[in-house]
Amino acid sequence: MKAGICFTGTGPILFLTTYSSFADPELLKKFDSKGIKKFIAYEVPLETVQEKYGAHYGIIMGDLKQESDLRVLDYDGHHVFYLFSLRDLGEPIIHDESAS
């Protein structure tokens, strides 16, 4: 299980996924189906997400399938942006379908 912040054209979203890589082609298809064709994503520690989101995290986790799944935990870009420190983000994963 991984958690990530995905910076898109409409702002950041926080997501949970069972995929082992944010660059997995099947995960990219799921992003594409949600209209997300271009993004910069950063992995964030699950423990941090659980601490910040409490019960809401538990609800989303209960709805997450064991494999091949993606769930948006928070789509309020303003909230996500100010809840996490940019200094704590690691290396970016960049996906730009328009550059292909």
Protein backbone atom coordinates (compact mmCIF):
# COMPACT_ATOMS: atom_id res chain seq x y z
CA MET A 1 0.00 0.00 0.00
CA LYS A 2 1.28 3.45 -0.92
CA ALA A 3 0.06 6.99 -0.40
CA GLY A 4 0.91 9.84 -2.68
CA ILE A 5 0.29 13.47 -3.44
CA CYS A 6 -0.40 14.03 -7.10
CA PHE A 7 -0.01 17.59 -8.41
CA THR A 8 -2.34 17.99 -11.39
CA GLY A 9 -3.62 20.88 -13.47
CA THR A 10 -6.44 21.48 -11.00
CA GLY A 11 -4.28 21.19 -7.88
CA PRO A 12 -2.94 18.46 -5.63
CA ILE A 13 -4.88 15.36 -4.60
CA LEU A 14 -3.99 12.78 -1.99
CA PHE A 15 -4.43 9.18 -3.06
CA LEU A 16 -3.94 5.63 -1.84
CA THR A 17 -3.00 2.76 -4.12
CA THR A 18 -2.17 -0.91 -3.99
CA TYR A 19 0.20 -0.55 -6.96
CA SER A 20 3.89 -0.89 -6.08
CA SER A 21 4.92 1.96 -8.39
CA PHE A 22 3.32 5.29 -9.31
CA ALA A 23 4.63 4.67 -12.84
CA ASP A 24 2.84 1.30 -13.20
CA PRO A 25 1.08 1.31 -16.61
CA GLU A 26 -2.17 0.00 -15.08
CA LEU A 27 -2.15 2.76 -12.45
CA LEU A 28 -1.52 5.32 -15.19
CA LYS A 29 -4.61 3.97 -16.98
CA LYS A 30 -6.64 4.54 -13.80
CA PHE A 31 -5.37 8.12 -13.54
CA ASP A 32 -6.19 8.60 -17.22
CA SER A 33 -9.75 7.35 -16.64
CA LYS A 34 -10.11 10.09 -14.02
CA GLY A 35 -8.92 12.68 -16.55
CA ILE A 36 -5.41 12.92 -15.09
CA LYS A 37 -3.02 12.67 -18.03
CA LYS A 38 -0.17 14.81 -16.70
CA PHE A 39 1.08 14.98 -13.12
CA ILE A 40 3.94 15.14 -10.68
CA ALA A 41 3.51 12.67 -7.80
CA TYR A 42 5.35 12.23 -4.52
CA GLU A 43 5.08 9.30 -2.16
CA VAL A 44 4.16 10.21 1.42
CA PRO A 45 4.42 7.88 4.43
CA LEU A 46 1.23 5.96 5.16
CA GLU A 47 1.72 6.61 8.87
CA THR A 48 1.69 10.36 8.26
CA VAL A 49 -1.48 10.13 6.17
CA GLN A 50 -3.18 7.97 8.80
CA GLU A 51 -2.22 10.43 11.54
CA LYS A 52 -3.50 13.45 9.59
CA TYR A 53 -6.74 11.88 8.32
CA GLY A 54 -7.75 9.60 11.20
CA ALA A 55 -11.20 8.03 10.76
CA HIS A 56 -11.49 9.16 7.12
CA TYR A 57 -8.33 7.17 6.34
CA GLY A 58 -9.89 4.09 7.93
CA ILE A 59 -13.06 4.44 5.87
CA ILE A 60 -11.12 4.71 2.60
CA MET A 61 -8.85 1.79 3.58
CA GLY A 62 -11.93 -0.35 4.24
CA ASP A 63 -13.11 0.37 0.70
CA LEU A 64 -9.74 -0.30 -0.95
CA LYS A 65 -9.37 -3.65 -2.72
CA GLN A 66 -6.31 -5.73 -1.96
CA GLU A 67 -4.76 -5.31 -5.40
CA SER A 68 -4.98 -3.16 -8.49
CA ASP A 69 -6.81 -0.28 -6.90
CA LEU A 70 -6.67 3.50 -6.55
CA ARG A 71 -8.65 5.69 -4.17
CA VAL A 72 -8.61 9.45 -3.77
CA LEU A 73 -8.43 10.29 -0.09
CA ASP A 74 -8.59 14.08 -0.45
CA TYR A 75 -9.31 16.12 -3.57
CA ASP A 76 -9.40 19.49 -1.79
CA GLY A 77 -6.17 20.84 -3.26
CA HIS A 78 -5.91 23.72 -0.80
CA HIS A 79 -6.25 21.33 2.14
CA VAL A 80 -3.70 18.83 0.76
CA PHE A 81 -1.23 21.58 -0.17
CA TYR A 82 -1.17 23.10 3.31
CA LEU A 83 -1.42 19.85 5.29
CA PHE A 84 1.90 18.46 4.02
CA SER A 85 5.31 20.14 4.04
CA LEU A 86 6.94 20.39 0.63
CA ARG A 87 10.29 19.88 2.36
CA ASP A 88 9.22 16.37 3.38
CA LEU A 89 8.46 15.22 -0.16
CA GLY A 90 10.99 12.95 -1.83
CA GLU A 91 11.86 12.43 -5.46
CA PRO A 92 9.08 13.26 -7.92
CA ILE A 93 7.48 10.82 -10.30
CA ILE A 94 6.68 12.78 -13.47
CA HIS A 95 4.08 11.61 -15.98
CA ASP A 96 3.43 13.72 -19.05
CA GLU A 97 1.32 11.95 -21.64
CA SER A 98 1.47 15.01 -23.89
CA ALA A 99 5.25 14.65 -24.17
CA SER A 100 4.94 11.17 -25.71
